[in-house]
Amino acid sequence: MDVPKPTKSNASVMRRINLIEDRIDSLRDHINLIENNSLEKSKELNKEIRELNEKIRELKSSLLTIEESMSQMIEKFEQFATKEQFKILERYLYFLNPLDYVTKKEVKNLINEILEE
């Protein structure tokens, strides 16, 4: 079997084939690099998403705690006297005026002073 001698056109075709093969190899390398980069980015993004989800869970837990505390505070505030109730108490104190009352000790002292006179 005789191998045909390369001619000028055959050599040109061979060069073009080699160039195309080199370009294909270059494109394969480029595709591999892109795939590796996209995998790395995907891993990074997944990690960030997990971290964000954990932070969201923590925030939800904190929010629930705050809501429970606020509910307890509201219940306590509802037990406070209203302005109207406070004004009623103020009027009672004004009418009763507890500062005008005397203590047992003061009464005994007054009785003793009167008896001594």
N, C-alpha and C. Protein backbone atom coordinates (compact mmCIF):
# COMPACT_ATOMS: atom_id res chain seq x y z
N MET A 1 0.84 -1.16 0.00
CA MET A 1 0.00 0.00 0.00
C MET A 1 0.89 1.23 0.00
N ASP A 2 0.71 1.99 -0.99
CA ASP A 2 1.52 3.20 -1.13
C ASP A 2 0.81 4.37 -0.47
N VAL A 3 1.61 5.14 0.26
CA VAL A 3 1.08 6.34 0.89
C VAL A 3 1.26 7.48 -0.09
N PRO A 4 0.16 8.20 -0.37
CA PRO A 4 0.29 9.28 -1.34
C PRO A 4 1.13 10.40 -0.76
N LYS A 5 1.88 11.02 -1.60
CA LYS A 5 2.74 12.12 -1.17
C LYS A 5 1.88 13.35 -0.92
N PRO A 6 2.23 14.06 0.19
CA PRO A 6 1.45 15.25 0.47
C PRO A 6 1.68 16.31 -0.60
N THR A 7 0.64 16.83 -1.04
CA THR A 7 0.71 17.91 -2.00
C THR A 7 0.49 19.21 -1.27
N LYS A 8 0.56 20.28 -2.04
CA LYS A 8 0.39 21.59 -1.44
C LYS A 8 -1.00 21.72 -0.85
N SER A 9 -1.98 21.26 -1.52
CA SER A 9 -3.34 21.37 -1.02
C SER A 9 -3.56 20.45 0.18
N ASN A 10 -2.93 19.26 0.12
CA ASN A 10 -3.03 18.35 1.27
C ASN A 10 -2.38 18.98 2.50
N ALA A 11 -1.25 19.59 2.34
CA ALA A 11 -0.55 20.23 3.46
C ALA A 11 -1.39 21.37 4.02
N SER A 12 -2.04 22.10 3.15
CA SER A 12 -2.90 23.21 3.59
C SER A 12 -4.08 22.67 4.38
N VAL A 13 -4.66 21.58 3.89
CA VAL A 13 -5.78 20.96 4.59
C VAL A 13 -5.31 20.44 5.95
N MET A 14 -4.14 19.81 5.98
CA MET A 14 -3.60 19.28 7.24
C MET A 14 -3.36 20.42 8.25
N ARG A 15 -2.83 21.53 7.77
CA ARG A 15 -2.61 22.68 8.66
C ARG A 15 -3.93 23.19 9.21
N ARG A 16 -4.90 23.26 8.37
CA ARG A 16 -6.23 23.73 8.82
C ARG A 16 -6.83 22.75 9.83
N ILE A 17 -6.67 21.47 9.54
CA ILE A 17 -7.18 20.46 10.48
C ILE A 17 -6.47 20.61 11.82
N ASN A 18 -5.16 20.78 11.81
CA ASN A 18 -4.39 20.96 13.05
C ASN A 18 -4.85 22.23 13.79
N LEU A 19 -5.07 23.30 13.04
CA LEU A 19 -5.55 24.54 13.65
C LEU A 19 -6.92 24.33 14.29
N ILE A 20 -7.78 23.63 13.59
CA ILE A 20 -9.12 23.37 14.12
C ILE A 20 -9.03 22.50 15.38
N GLU A 21 -8.15 21.48 15.32
CA GLU A 21 -7.96 20.62 16.50
C GLU A 21 -7.43 21.43 17.67
N ASP A 22 -6.49 22.33 17.41
CA ASP A 22 -5.97 23.19 18.48
C ASP A 22 -7.07 24.08 19.06
N ARG A 23 -7.89 24.62 18.18
CA ARG A 23 -9.00 25.47 18.64
C ARG A 23 -9.99 24.66 19.47
N ILE A 24 -10.26 23.44 19.02
CA ILE A 24 -11.17 22.57 19.76
C ILE A 24 -10.59 22.26 21.15
N ASP A 25 -9.27 21.96 21.19
CA ASP A 25 -8.63 21.70 22.49
C ASP A 25 -8.69 22.94 23.38
N SER A 26 -8.45 24.09 22.78
CA SER A 26 -8.52 25.34 23.53
C SER A 26 -9.94 25.58 24.06
N LEU A 27 -10.92 25.31 23.20
CA LEU A 27 -12.32 25.48 23.63
C LEU A 27 -12.68 24.48 24.74
N ARG A 28 -12.18 23.25 24.63
CA ARG A 28 -12.42 22.26 25.68
C ARG A 28 -11.83 22.74 27.02
N ASP A 29 -10.59 23.24 26.96
CA ASP A 29 -9.95 23.76 28.17
C ASP A 29 -10.77 24.91 28.75
N HIS A 30 -11.21 25.77 27.85
CA HIS A 30 -12.01 26.92 28.29
C HIS A 30 -13.33 26.46 28.92
N ILE A 31 -13.97 25.48 28.30
CA ILE A 31 -15.23 24.93 28.83
C ILE A 31 -14.99 24.29 30.19
N ASN A 32 -13.90 23.53 30.31
CA ASN A 32 -13.57 22.91 31.60
C ASN A 32 -13.34 23.96 32.68
N LEU A 33 -12.64 25.02 32.31
CA LEU A 33 -12.39 26.10 33.26
C LEU A 33 -13.71 26.75 33.69
N ILE A 34 -14.60 27.00 32.75
CA ILE A 34 -15.91 27.59 33.05
C ILE A 34 -16.71 26.65 33.95
N GLU A 35 -16.69 25.35 33.64
CA GLU A 35 -17.42 24.38 34.46
C GLU A 35 -16.87 24.37 35.89
N ASN A 36 -15.55 24.37 36.02
CA ASN A 36 -14.95 24.37 37.36
C ASN A 36 -15.32 25.64 38.13
N ASN A 37 -15.25 26.77 37.44
CA ASN A 37 -15.61 28.03 38.08
C ASN A 37 -17.08 28.04 38.50
N SER A 38 -17.93 27.53 37.61
CA SER A 38 -19.36 27.52 37.95
C SER A 38 -19.63 26.57 39.11
N LEU A 39 -18.92 25.45 39.18
CA LEU A 39 -19.08 24.54 40.32
C LEU A 39 -18.64 25.21 41.62
N GLU A 40 -17.50 25.89 41.56
CA GLU A 40 -17.00 26.58 42.76
C GLU A 40 -18.00 27.66 43.19
N LYS A 41 -18.48 28.43 42.24
CA LYS A 41 -19.45 29.49 42.57
C LYS A 41 -20.73 28.87 43.13
N SER A 42 -21.14 27.77 42.54
CA SER A 42 -22.35 27.10 43.02
C SER A 42 -22.17 26.64 44.47
N LYS A 43 -21.01 26.08 44.78
CA LYS A 43 -20.73 25.64 46.15
C LYS A 43 -20.73 26.84 47.11
N GLU A 44 -20.09 27.93 46.68
CA GLU A 44 -20.05 29.14 47.52
C GLU A 44 -21.46 29.67 47.76
N LEU A 45 -22.25 29.72 46.70
CA LEU A 45 -23.62 30.23 46.83
C LEU A 45 -24.46 29.33 47.73
N ASN A 46 -24.30 28.03 47.60
CA ASN A 46 -25.03 27.10 48.47
C ASN A 46 -24.64 27.30 49.93
N LYS A 47 -23.35 27.51 50.16
CA LYS A 47 -22.89 27.76 51.53
C LYS A 47 -23.50 29.05 52.07
N GLU A 48 -23.49 30.10 51.25
CA GLU A 48 -24.08 31.38 51.67
C GLU A 48 -25.58 31.24 51.93
N ILE A 49 -26.25 30.46 51.09
CA ILE A 49 -27.68 30.25 51.28
C ILE A 49 -27.95 29.53 52.59
N ARG A 50 -27.14 28.51 52.90
CA ARG A 50 -27.30 27.80 54.18
C ARG A 50 -27.09 28.75 55.36
N GLU A 51 -26.05 29.60 55.26
CA GLU A 51 -25.78 30.56 56.34
C GLU A 51 -26.93 31.54 56.48
N LEU A 52 -27.45 32.03 55.36
CA LEU A 52 -28.57 32.96 55.41
C LEU A 52 -29.82 32.30 55.99
N ASN A 53 -30.05 31.05 55.62
CA ASN A 53 -31.20 30.33 56.18
C ASN A 53 -31.05 30.17 57.69
N GLU A 54 -29.84 29.90 58.15
CA GLU A 54 -29.61 29.78 59.60
C GLU A 54 -29.85 31.12 60.30
N LYS A 55 -29.38 32.19 59.69
CA LYS A 55 -29.61 33.51 60.28
C LYS A 55 -31.10 33.83 60.31
N ILE A 56 -31.81 33.45 59.25
CA ILE A 56 -33.25 33.69 59.21
C ILE A 56 -33.94 32.92 60.33
N ARG A 57 -33.51 31.65 60.55
CA ARG A 57 -34.09 30.87 61.65
C ARG A 57 -33.83 31.55 63.00
N GLU A 58 -32.61 32.04 63.18
CA GLU A 58 -32.27 32.73 64.43
C GLU A 58 -33.12 33.98 64.60
N LEU A 59 -33.29 34.74 63.53
CA LEU A 59 -34.10 35.96 63.60
C LEU A 59 -35.56 35.64 63.91
N LYS A 60 -36.07 34.56 63.30
CA LYS A 60 -37.45 34.16 63.59
C LYS A 60 -37.60 33.79 65.06
N SER A 61 -36.61 33.08 65.58
CA SER A 61 -36.65 32.69 66.99
C SER A 61 -36.62 33.94 67.89
N SER A 62 -35.74 34.87 67.55
CA SER A 62 -35.66 36.12 68.32
C SER A 62 -36.96 36.89 68.23
N LEU A 63 -37.54 36.93 67.06
CA LEU A 63 -38.80 37.64 66.86
C LEU A 63 -39.91 37.02 67.69
N LEU A 64 -39.96 35.70 67.74
CA LEU A 64 -40.96 35.01 68.56
C LEU A 64 -40.77 35.36 70.04
N THR A 65 -39.53 35.39 70.49
CA THR A 65 -39.25 35.74 71.88
C THR A 65 -39.70 37.17 72.17
N ILE A 66 -39.42 38.08 71.24
CA ILE A 66 -39.83 39.47 71.42
C ILE A 66 -41.35 39.57 71.44
N GLU A 67 -42.02 38.85 70.55
CA GLU A 67 -43.49 38.88 70.51
C GLU A 67 -44.08 38.35 71.81
N GLU A 68 -43.49 37.28 72.35
CA GLU A 68 -43.98 36.75 73.62
C GLU A 68 -43.79 37.76 74.74
N SER A 69 -42.63 38.40 74.77
CA SER A 69 -42.36 39.42 75.79
C SER A 69 -43.34 40.58 75.67
N MET A 70 -43.61 40.99 74.44
CA MET A 70 -44.54 42.10 74.23
C MET A 70 -45.95 41.71 74.67
N SER A 71 -46.34 40.47 74.40
CA SER A 71 -47.66 40.01 74.83
C SER A 71 -47.77 40.04 76.35
N GLN A 72 -46.71 39.60 77.02
CA GLN A 72 -46.71 39.64 78.49
C GLN A 72 -46.77 41.08 78.99
N MET A 73 -46.04 41.97 78.33
CA MET A 73 -46.06 43.38 78.74
C MET A 73 -47.46 43.97 78.54
N ILE A 74 -48.09 43.63 77.43
CA ILE A 74 -49.43 44.15 77.16
C ILE A 74 -50.40 43.66 78.23
N GLU A 75 -50.27 42.37 78.62
CA GLU A 75 -51.14 41.85 79.67
C GLU A 75 -50.92 42.62 80.97
N LYS A 76 -49.67 42.93 81.29
CA LYS A 76 -49.37 43.70 82.51
C LYS A 76 -49.94 45.12 82.39
N PHE A 77 -49.78 45.73 81.23
CA PHE A 77 -50.28 47.10 81.04
C PHE A 77 -51.80 47.15 81.17
N GLU A 78 -52.47 46.08 80.74
CA GLU A 78 -53.93 46.06 80.85
C GLU A 78 -54.38 46.02 82.30
N GLN A 79 -53.50 45.58 83.19
CA GLN A 79 -53.84 45.52 84.61
C GLN A 79 -53.65 46.88 85.29
N PHE A 80 -52.97 47.80 84.65
CA PHE A 80 -52.77 49.13 85.21
C PHE A 80 -54.10 49.88 85.26
N ALA A 81 -54.17 50.85 86.16
CA ALA A 81 -55.37 51.68 86.26
C ALA A 81 -55.42 52.63 85.05
N THR A 82 -56.63 52.86 84.57
CA THR A 82 -56.80 53.79 83.46
C THR A 82 -56.80 55.22 84.02
N LYS A 83 -56.76 56.20 83.16
CA LYS A 83 -56.80 57.60 83.60
C LYS A 83 -58.07 57.87 84.39
N GLU A 84 -59.16 57.34 83.91
CA GLU A 84 -60.45 57.56 84.57
C GLU A 84 -60.43 56.95 85.98
N GLN A 85 -59.93 55.73 86.07
CA GLN A 85 -59.86 55.08 87.39
C GLN A 85 -58.92 55.85 88.32
N PHE A 86 -57.84 56.35 87.79
CA PHE A 86 -56.90 57.12 88.59
C PHE A 86 -57.53 58.42 89.08
N LYS A 87 -58.31 59.08 88.22
CA LYS A 87 -58.98 60.33 88.62
C LYS A 87 -59.99 60.05 89.73
N ILE A 88 -60.70 58.91 89.64
CA ILE A 88 -61.65 58.55 90.70
C ILE A 88 -60.92 58.36 92.02
N LEU A 89 -59.79 57.66 91.99
CA LEU A 89 -59.00 57.47 93.21
C LEU A 89 -58.51 58.81 93.76
N GLU A 90 -58.11 59.68 92.86
CA GLU A 90 -57.64 61.01 93.26
C GLU A 90 -58.76 61.78 93.98
N ARG A 91 -59.98 61.70 93.46
CA ARG A 91 -61.12 62.38 94.10
C ARG A 91 -61.39 61.80 95.48
N TYR A 92 -61.36 60.47 95.59
CA TYR A 92 -61.56 59.84 96.91
C TYR A 92 -60.52 60.33 97.91
N LEU A 93 -59.27 60.38 97.47
CA LEU A 93 -58.21 60.85 98.38
C LEU A 93 -58.43 62.31 98.77
N TYR A 94 -58.89 63.10 97.81
CA TYR A 94 -59.14 64.51 98.11
C TYR A 94 -60.26 64.65 99.14
N PHE A 95 -61.33 63.88 98.96
CA PHE A 95 -62.46 63.98 99.91
C PHE A 95 -62.10 63.39 101.27
N LEU A 96 -61.40 62.28 101.28
CA LEU A 96 -61.07 61.64 102.56
C LEU A 96 -59.92 62.34 103.26
N ASN A 97 -59.00 62.90 102.53
CA ASN A 97 -57.84 63.61 103.05
C ASN A 97 -57.21 62.88 104.25
N PRO A 98 -56.48 61.82 104.00
CA PRO A 98 -55.92 61.01 105.08
C PRO A 98 -54.94 61.77 105.97
N LEU A 99 -54.47 62.92 105.54
CA LEU A 99 -53.54 63.68 106.38
C LEU A 99 -54.26 64.32 107.57
N ASP A 100 -55.59 64.44 107.48
CA ASP A 100 -56.36 65.01 108.58
C ASP A 100 -56.65 63.99 109.67
N TYR A 101 -56.44 62.73 109.44
CA TYR A 101 -56.70 61.70 110.45
C TYR A 101 -55.58 61.70 111.49
N VAL A 102 -55.93 61.26 112.68
CA VAL A 102 -54.93 61.17 113.74
C VAL A 102 -54.65 59.71 114.03
N THR A 103 -53.48 59.47 114.56
CA THR A 103 -53.11 58.10 114.91
C THR A 103 -53.50 57.84 116.36
N LYS A 104 -53.49 56.58 116.75
CA LYS A 104 -53.80 56.20 118.14
C LYS A 104 -52.84 56.89 119.10
N LYS A 105 -51.61 56.93 118.72
CA LYS A 105 -50.60 57.55 119.59
C LYS A 105 -50.91 59.03 119.80
N GLU A 106 -51.32 59.71 118.70
CA GLU A 106 -51.65 61.13 118.83
C GLU A 106 -52.88 61.31 119.73
N VAL A 107 -53.87 60.42 119.61
CA VAL A 107 -55.07 60.50 120.45
C VAL A 107 -54.68 60.30 121.91
N LYS A 108 -53.85 59.33 122.21
CA LYS A 108 -53.41 59.08 123.59
C LYS A 108 -52.68 60.29 124.14
N ASN A 109 -51.82 60.87 123.31
CA ASN A 109 -51.09 62.06 123.76
C ASN A 109 -52.05 63.21 124.07
N LEU A 110 -53.03 63.40 123.22
CA LEU A 110 -54.02 64.46 123.45
C LEU A 110 -54.80 64.20 124.74
N ILE A 111 -55.21 62.95 124.94
CA ILE A 111 -55.96 62.61 126.17
C ILE A 111 -55.08 62.86 127.39
N ASN A 112 -53.85 62.46 127.33
CA ASN A 112 -52.93 62.68 128.45
C ASN A 112 -52.73 64.17 128.72
N GLU A 113 -52.62 64.97 127.66
CA GLU A 113 -52.44 66.42 127.85
C GLU A 113 -53.68 67.03 128.51
N ILE A 114 -54.85 66.57 128.06
CA ILE A 114 -56.09 67.11 128.63
C ILE A 114 -56.22 66.70 130.09
N LEU A 115 -55.88 65.46 130.40
CA LEU A 115 -55.98 64.98 131.79
C LEU A 115 -54.96 65.68 132.69
N GLU A 116 -53.86 66.03 132.18
CA GLU A 116 -52.82 66.68 132.97
C GLU A 116 -53.20 68.14 133.26
N GLU A 117 -54.05 68.74 132.51
CA GLU A 117 -54.42 70.13 132.72
C GLU A 117 -55.33 70.27 133.83
